[in-house]
């Protein structure tokens, strides 16, 4: 049962990364480091396989608070990649009414969807590795890095995970990273 929940989690992570990367595009007119426009996700770098989270904060005059907000948002991006709980409530109503003449009817339809996303995880080994201040609007971007090998090494500290699930995640972490990276490169 827990392995099935983990598979659902992995599918959600892949879908989230696909959405993140499909929304992130770089224009030749945009300035700043590549990581600002590349966005959050799974990547290969010189040190190995990593997860990057990009956070941005703006409109805060206090520089310490601006930096803290950007740093925390970049950590939150990695947390969303690793673990997200998504609750969806959908309501769908359709009606067809016919009165008298059976060839004429009145149709109505109403569709609602409410989505709530929640992420809670401990990021062992996640570090802020870079900042960039946009000179045009004063937005501060922060880049957080989580090394895949360091993440796998800390899985034992996740006491809430069943040992079978923890072993499954550890053995499939590289595969998950590679699949996420392939999706982002499309």
C-alpha atoms as a PDB file:
ATOM      1  CA  UNK A   1       0.000   0.000   0.000  1.00  0.00           C
ATOM      2  CA  UNK A   2       2.770   2.459   0.913  1.00  0.00           C
ATOM      3  CA  UNK A   3       4.627   1.596  -2.312  1.00  0.00           C
ATOM      4  CA  UNK A   4       1.479   2.516  -4.275  1.00  0.00           C
ATOM      5  CA  UNK A   5       1.325   5.862  -2.442  1.00  0.00           C
ATOM      6  CA  UNK A   6       4.962   6.400  -3.309  1.00  0.00           C
ATOM      7  CA  UNK A   7       4.249   5.698  -6.980  1.00  0.00           C
ATOM      8  CA  UNK A   8       1.431   8.282  -6.890  1.00  0.00           C
ATOM      9  CA  UNK A   9       3.896  10.726  -5.310  1.00  0.00           C
ATOM     10  CA  UNK A  10       6.479  10.055  -8.034  1.00  0.00           C
ATOM     11  CA  UNK A  11       3.892  10.599 -10.778  1.00  0.00           C
ATOM     12  CA  UNK A  12       2.841  13.868  -9.134  1.00  0.00           C
ATOM     13  CA  UNK A  13       6.464  14.992  -8.933  1.00  0.00           C
ATOM     14  CA  UNK A  14       7.015  14.218 -12.613  1.00  0.00           C
ATOM     15  CA  UNK A  15       3.837  16.069 -13.569  1.00  0.00           C
ATOM     16  CA  UNK A  16       4.780  19.078 -11.433  1.00  0.00           C
ATOM     17  CA  UNK A  17       8.244  19.264 -12.965  1.00  0.00           C
ATOM     18  CA  UNK A  18       6.788  19.005 -16.448  1.00  0.00           C
ATOM     19  CA  UNK A  19       4.538  21.972 -15.659  1.00  0.00           C
ATOM     20  CA  UNK A  20       7.408  23.970 -14.108  1.00  0.00           C
ATOM     21  CA  UNK A  21       9.676  23.440 -17.087  1.00  0.00           C
ATOM     22  CA  UNK A  22       7.021  23.999 -19.724  1.00  0.00           C
ATOM     23  CA  UNK A  23       6.216  27.365 -18.124  1.00  0.00           C
ATOM     24  CA  UNK A  24       9.839  28.484 -17.875  1.00  0.00           C
ATOM     25  CA  UNK A  25      11.117  29.972 -21.105  1.00  0.00           C
ATOM     26  CA  UNK A  26      14.043  32.258 -21.726  1.00  0.00           C
ATOM     27  CA  UNK A  27      13.894  35.247 -24.004  1.00  0.00           C
ATOM     28  CA  UNK A  28      16.979  36.752 -25.539  1.00  0.00           C
ATOM     29  CA  UNK A  29      15.954  40.108 -24.027  1.00  0.00           C
ATOM     30  CA  UNK A  30      15.950  38.762 -20.478  1.00  0.00           C
ATOM     31  CA  UNK A  31      18.971  39.356 -18.304  1.00  0.00           C
ATOM     32  CA  UNK A  32      20.415  37.422 -15.420  1.00  0.00           C
ATOM     33  CA  UNK A  33      22.001  34.023 -14.941  1.00  0.00           C
ATOM     34  CA  UNK A  34      20.650  31.033 -16.847  1.00  0.00           C
ATOM     35  CA  UNK A  35      19.375  29.406 -13.659  1.00  0.00           C
ATOM     36  CA  UNK A  36      16.931  32.268 -13.130  1.00  0.00           C
ATOM     37  CA  UNK A  37      15.108  31.406 -16.359  1.00  0.00           C
ATOM     38  CA  UNK A  38      15.709  27.653 -16.302  1.00  0.00           C
ATOM     39  CA  UNK A  39      13.724  27.333 -13.090  1.00  0.00           C
ATOM     40  CA  UNK A  40      13.409  24.561 -10.552  1.00  0.00           C
ATOM     41  CA  UNK A  41      13.910  20.898 -11.361  1.00  0.00           C
ATOM     42  CA  UNK A  42      16.259  17.941 -11.658  1.00  0.00           C
ATOM     43  CA  UNK A  43      19.576  18.510 -13.434  1.00  0.00           C
ATOM     44  CA  UNK A  44      23.015  17.026 -13.995  1.00  0.00           C
ATOM     45  CA  UNK A  45      25.884  19.306 -13.071  1.00  0.00           C
ATOM     46  CA  UNK A  46      29.625  18.869 -12.605  1.00  0.00           C
ATOM     47  CA  UNK A  47      29.115  17.494  -9.082  1.00  0.00           C
ATOM     48  CA  UNK A  48      26.515  14.896 -10.110  1.00  0.00           C
ATOM     49  CA  UNK A  49      22.748  14.770 -10.107  1.00  0.00           C
ATOM     50  CA  UNK A  50      21.024  17.594  -8.244  1.00  0.00           C
ATOM     51  CA  UNK A  51      17.668  19.212  -7.606  1.00  0.00           C
ATOM     52  CA  UNK A  52      17.549  22.995  -7.943  1.00  0.00           C
ATOM     53  CA  UNK A  53      14.925  25.316  -6.537  1.00  0.00           C
ATOM     54  CA  UNK A  54      14.613  28.923  -7.687  1.00  0.00           C
ATOM     55  CA  UNK A  55      12.855  31.390  -5.407  1.00  0.00           C
ATOM     56  CA  UNK A  56      12.127  35.054  -5.946  1.00  0.00           C
ATOM     57  CA  UNK A  57      11.063  37.862  -3.633  1.00  0.00           C
ATOM     58  CA  UNK A  58      10.317  41.467  -4.508  1.00  0.00           C
ATOM     59  CA  UNK A  59       8.842  44.641  -3.078  1.00  0.00           C
ATOM     60  CA  UNK A  60      10.546  44.217   0.304  1.00  0.00           C
ATOM     61  CA  UNK A  61      12.659  47.202   1.363  1.00  0.00           C
ATOM     62  CA  UNK A  62      14.436  45.425   4.231  1.00  0.00           C
ATOM     63  CA  UNK A  63      17.344  43.610   2.509  1.00  0.00           C
ATOM     64  CA  UNK A  64      17.679  40.944   5.208  1.00  0.00           C
ATOM     65  CA  UNK A  65      13.990  40.107   4.939  1.00  0.00           C
ATOM     66  CA  UNK A  66      14.176  40.170   1.122  1.00  0.00           C
ATOM     67  CA  UNK A  67      17.043  37.656   1.170  1.00  0.00           C
ATOM     68  CA  UNK A  68      15.352  35.414   3.721  1.00  0.00           C
ATOM     69  CA  UNK A  69      12.124  35.368   1.702  1.00  0.00           C
ATOM     70  CA  UNK A  70      13.928  34.492  -1.559  1.00  0.00           C
ATOM     71  CA  UNK A  71      15.995  31.783   0.180  1.00  0.00           C
ATOM     72  CA  UNK A  72      12.931  30.222   1.816  1.00  0.00           C
ATOM     73  CA  UNK A  73      11.011  30.268  -1.449  1.00  0.00           C
ATOM     74  CA  UNK A  74      13.850  28.469  -3.232  1.00  0.00           C
ATOM     75  CA  UNK A  75      13.834  25.783  -0.516  1.00  0.00           C
ATOM     76  CA  UNK A  76      10.057  25.509  -0.881  1.00  0.00           C
ATOM     77  CA  UNK A  77      10.481  24.852  -4.606  1.00  0.00           C
ATOM     78  CA  UNK A  78      12.654  21.817  -3.836  1.00  0.00           C
ATOM     79  CA  UNK A  79      10.167  20.662  -1.202  1.00  0.00           C
ATOM     80  CA  UNK A  80       7.391  20.838  -3.804  1.00  0.00           C
ATOM     81  CA  UNK A  81       9.477  18.697  -6.144  1.00  0.00           C
ATOM     82  CA  UNK A  82      10.125  16.051  -3.503  1.00  0.00           C
ATOM     83  CA  UNK A  83       6.805  15.841  -1.709  1.00  0.00           C
ATOM     84  CA  UNK A  84       3.457  17.413  -2.432  1.00  0.00           C
ATOM     85  CA  UNK A  85       0.032  16.542  -1.171  1.00  0.00           C
ATOM     86  CA  UNK A  86      -2.648  17.632  -3.614  1.00  0.00           C
ATOM     87  CA  UNK A  87      -6.328  17.608  -2.753  1.00  0.00           C
ATOM     88  CA  UNK A  88      -8.838  18.236  -5.501  1.00  0.00           C
ATOM     89  CA  UNK A  89     -12.538  18.832  -5.144  1.00  0.00           C
ATOM     90  CA  UNK A  90     -14.452  18.806  -8.402  1.00  0.00           C
ATOM     91  CA  UNK A  91     -18.154  19.454  -8.875  1.00  0.00           C
ATOM     92  CA  UNK A  92     -19.791  18.770 -12.194  1.00  0.00           C
ATOM     93  CA  UNK A  93     -23.463  19.496 -12.859  1.00  0.00           C
ATOM     94  CA  UNK A  94     -25.326  18.995 -16.132  1.00  0.00           C
ATOM     95  CA  UNK A  95     -29.030  19.186 -16.833  1.00  0.00           C
ATOM     96  CA  UNK A  96     -31.288  18.861 -19.827  1.00  0.00           C
ATOM     97  CA  UNK A  97     -34.910  19.955 -19.577  1.00  0.00           C
ATOM     98  CA  UNK A  98     -37.619  19.235 -22.086  1.00  0.00           C
ATOM     99  CA  UNK A  99     -41.158  20.568 -21.763  1.00  0.00           C
ATOM    100  CA  UNK A 100     -43.972  19.927 -24.181  1.00  0.00           C
ATOM    101  CA  UNK A 101     -42.215  19.728 -27.574  1.00  0.00           C
ATOM    102  CA  UNK A 102     -39.718  16.842 -27.291  1.00  0.00           C
ATOM    103  CA  UNK A 103     -37.521  18.295 -30.060  1.00  0.00           C
ATOM    104  CA  UNK A 104     -36.628  21.383 -28.018  1.00  0.00           C
ATOM    105  CA  UNK A 105     -34.660  21.227 -24.815  1.00  0.00           C
ATOM    106  CA  UNK A 106     -32.830  23.548 -22.490  1.00  0.00           C
ATOM    107  CA  UNK A 107     -29.285  22.590 -21.582  1.00  0.00           C
ATOM    108  CA  UNK A 108     -27.223  23.837 -18.680  1.00  0.00           C
ATOM    109  CA  UNK A 109     -23.853  22.943 -17.266  1.00  0.00           C
ATOM    110  CA  UNK A 110     -21.800  24.063 -14.293  1.00  0.00           C
ATOM    111  CA  UNK A 111     -18.292  22.851 -13.488  1.00  0.00           C
ATOM    112  CA  UNK A 112     -16.190  23.884 -10.475  1.00  0.00           C
ATOM    113  CA  UNK A 113     -12.774  22.769  -9.341  1.00  0.00           C
ATOM    114  CA  UNK A 114     -10.915  23.645  -6.177  1.00  0.00           C
ATOM    115  CA  UNK A 115      -7.266  22.694  -5.813  1.00  0.00           C
ATOM    116  CA  UNK A 116      -5.172  22.783  -2.664  1.00  0.00           C
ATOM    117  CA  UNK A 117      -1.477  21.900  -2.660  1.00  0.00           C
ATOM    118  CA  UNK A 118       0.461  21.242   0.513  1.00  0.00           C
ATOM    119  CA  UNK A 119       4.117  20.330   0.859  1.00  0.00           C
ATOM    120  CA  UNK A 120       5.935  19.392   4.041  1.00  0.00           C
ATOM    121  CA  UNK A 121       9.391  17.859   4.122  1.00  0.00           C
ATOM    122  CA  UNK A 122      12.738  18.221   5.802  1.00  0.00           C
ATOM    123  CA  UNK A 123      15.481  19.221   3.379  1.00  0.00           C
ATOM    124  CA  UNK A 124      18.688  17.690   4.689  1.00  0.00           C
ATOM    125  CA  UNK A 125      21.641  19.018   2.713  1.00  0.00           C
ATOM    126  CA  UNK A 126      19.771  21.718   0.789  1.00  0.00           C
ATOM    127  CA  UNK A 127      21.977  24.804   0.499  1.00  0.00           C
ATOM    128  CA  UNK A 128      21.602  28.237  -1.033  1.00  0.00           C
ATOM    129  CA  UNK A 129      24.336  28.445  -3.679  1.00  0.00           C
ATOM    130  CA  UNK A 130      23.653  31.711  -5.509  1.00  0.00           C
ATOM    131  CA  UNK A 131      21.679  34.969  -5.552  1.00  0.00           C
ATOM    132  CA  UNK A 132      20.888  37.468  -8.291  1.00  0.00           C
ATOM    133  CA  UNK A 133      19.354  40.924  -7.870  1.00  0.00           C
ATOM    134  CA  UNK A 134      17.383  42.150 -10.873  1.00  0.00           C
ATOM    135  CA  UNK A 135      18.560  45.742 -11.428  1.00  0.00           C
ATOM    136  CA  UNK A 136      15.308  46.705 -13.157  1.00  0.00           C
ATOM    137  CA  UNK A 137      12.792  45.934 -10.420  1.00  0.00           C
ATOM    138  CA  UNK A 138      14.874  44.941  -7.377  1.00  0.00           C
ATOM    139  CA  UNK A 139      13.634  41.339  -7.303  1.00  0.00           C
ATOM    140  CA  UNK A 140      16.043  38.993  -5.564  1.00  0.00           C
ATOM    141  CA  UNK A 141      16.407  35.475  -6.937  1.00  0.00           C
ATOM    142  CA  UNK A 142      17.857  32.658  -4.826  1.00  0.00           C
ATOM    143  CA  UNK A 143      19.140  29.295  -6.029  1.00  0.00           C
ATOM    144  CA  UNK A 144      18.914  26.320  -3.666  1.00  0.00           C
ATOM    145  CA  UNK A 145      20.718  23.060  -4.435  1.00  0.00           C
ATOM    146  CA  UNK A 146      20.020  19.563  -3.110  1.00  0.00           C
ATOM    147  CA  UNK A 147      22.507  16.886  -4.111  1.00  0.00           C
ATOM    148  CA  UNK A 148      20.777  13.607  -5.042  1.00  0.00           C
ATOM    149  CA  UNK A 149      23.419  11.428  -3.347  1.00  0.00           C
ATOM    150  CA  UNK A 150      23.191  13.482  -0.150  1.00  0.00           C
ATOM    151  CA  UNK A 151      19.422  13.161  -0.270  1.00  0.00           C
ATOM    152  CA  UNK A 152      19.625   9.376  -0.645  1.00  0.00           C
ATOM    153  CA  UNK A 153      22.085   9.186   2.243  1.00  0.00           C
ATOM    154  CA  UNK A 154      19.653  10.997   4.550  1.00  0.00           C
ATOM    155  CA  UNK A 155      16.641   8.799   3.805  1.00  0.00           C
ATOM    156  CA  UNK A 156      17.319   6.862   7.007  1.00  0.00           C
ATOM    157  CA  UNK A 157      16.427  10.001   8.969  1.00  0.00           C
ATOM    158  CA  UNK A 158      12.911   9.911   7.533  1.00  0.00           C
ATOM    159  CA  UNK A 159      11.487   7.833  10.351  1.00  0.00           C
ATOM    160  CA  UNK A 160       7.928   8.160   9.109  1.00  0.00           C
ATOM    161  CA  UNK A 161       8.782   6.061   6.053  1.00  0.00           C
ATOM    162  CA  UNK A 162       8.365   2.306   6.233  1.00  0.00           C
ATOM    163  CA  UNK A 163      11.736   0.574   5.714  1.00  0.00           C
ATOM    164  CA  UNK A 164      10.478  -1.067   2.487  1.00  0.00           C
ATOM    165  CA  UNK A 165       9.358   2.282   1.105  1.00  0.00           C
ATOM    166  CA  UNK A 166      12.644   3.924   2.151  1.00  0.00           C
ATOM    167  CA  UNK A 167      14.621   1.154   0.378  1.00  0.00           C
ATOM    168  CA  UNK A 168      12.408   1.464  -2.695  1.00  0.00           C
ATOM    169  CA  UNK A 169      12.942   5.246  -2.861  1.00  0.00           C
ATOM    170  CA  UNK A 170      16.684   4.869  -2.392  1.00  0.00           C
ATOM    171  CA  UNK A 171      16.966   2.238  -5.155  1.00  0.00           C
ATOM    172  CA  UNK A 172      14.803   4.237  -7.579  1.00  0.00           C
ATOM    173  CA  UNK A 173      16.040   7.769  -6.850  1.00  0.00           C
ATOM    174  CA  UNK A 174      18.453   7.790  -9.793  1.00  0.00           C
ATOM    175  CA  UNK A 175      15.774   6.467 -12.128  1.00  0.00           C
ATOM    176  CA  UNK A 176      13.317   9.156 -10.942  1.00  0.00           C
ATOM    177  CA  UNK A 177      15.937  11.880 -11.431  1.00  0.00           C
ATOM    178  CA  UNK A 178      16.702  10.682 -14.975  1.00  0.00           C
ATOM    179  CA  UNK A 179      13.013  10.569 -15.915  1.00  0.00           C
ATOM    180  CA  UNK A 180      12.455  14.087 -14.575  1.00  0.00           C
ATOM    181  CA  UNK A 181      15.478  15.374 -16.458  1.00  0.00           C
ATOM    182  CA  UNK A 182      14.258  13.781 -19.726  1.00  0.00           C
ATOM    183  CA  UNK A 183      10.879  15.464 -19.309  1.00  0.00           C
ATOM    184  CA  UNK A 184      12.534  18.830 -18.720  1.00  0.00           C
ATOM    185  CA  UNK A 185      14.745  18.501 -21.790  1.00  0.00           C
ATOM    186  CA  UNK A 186      11.766  18.012 -24.129  1.00  0.00           C
END
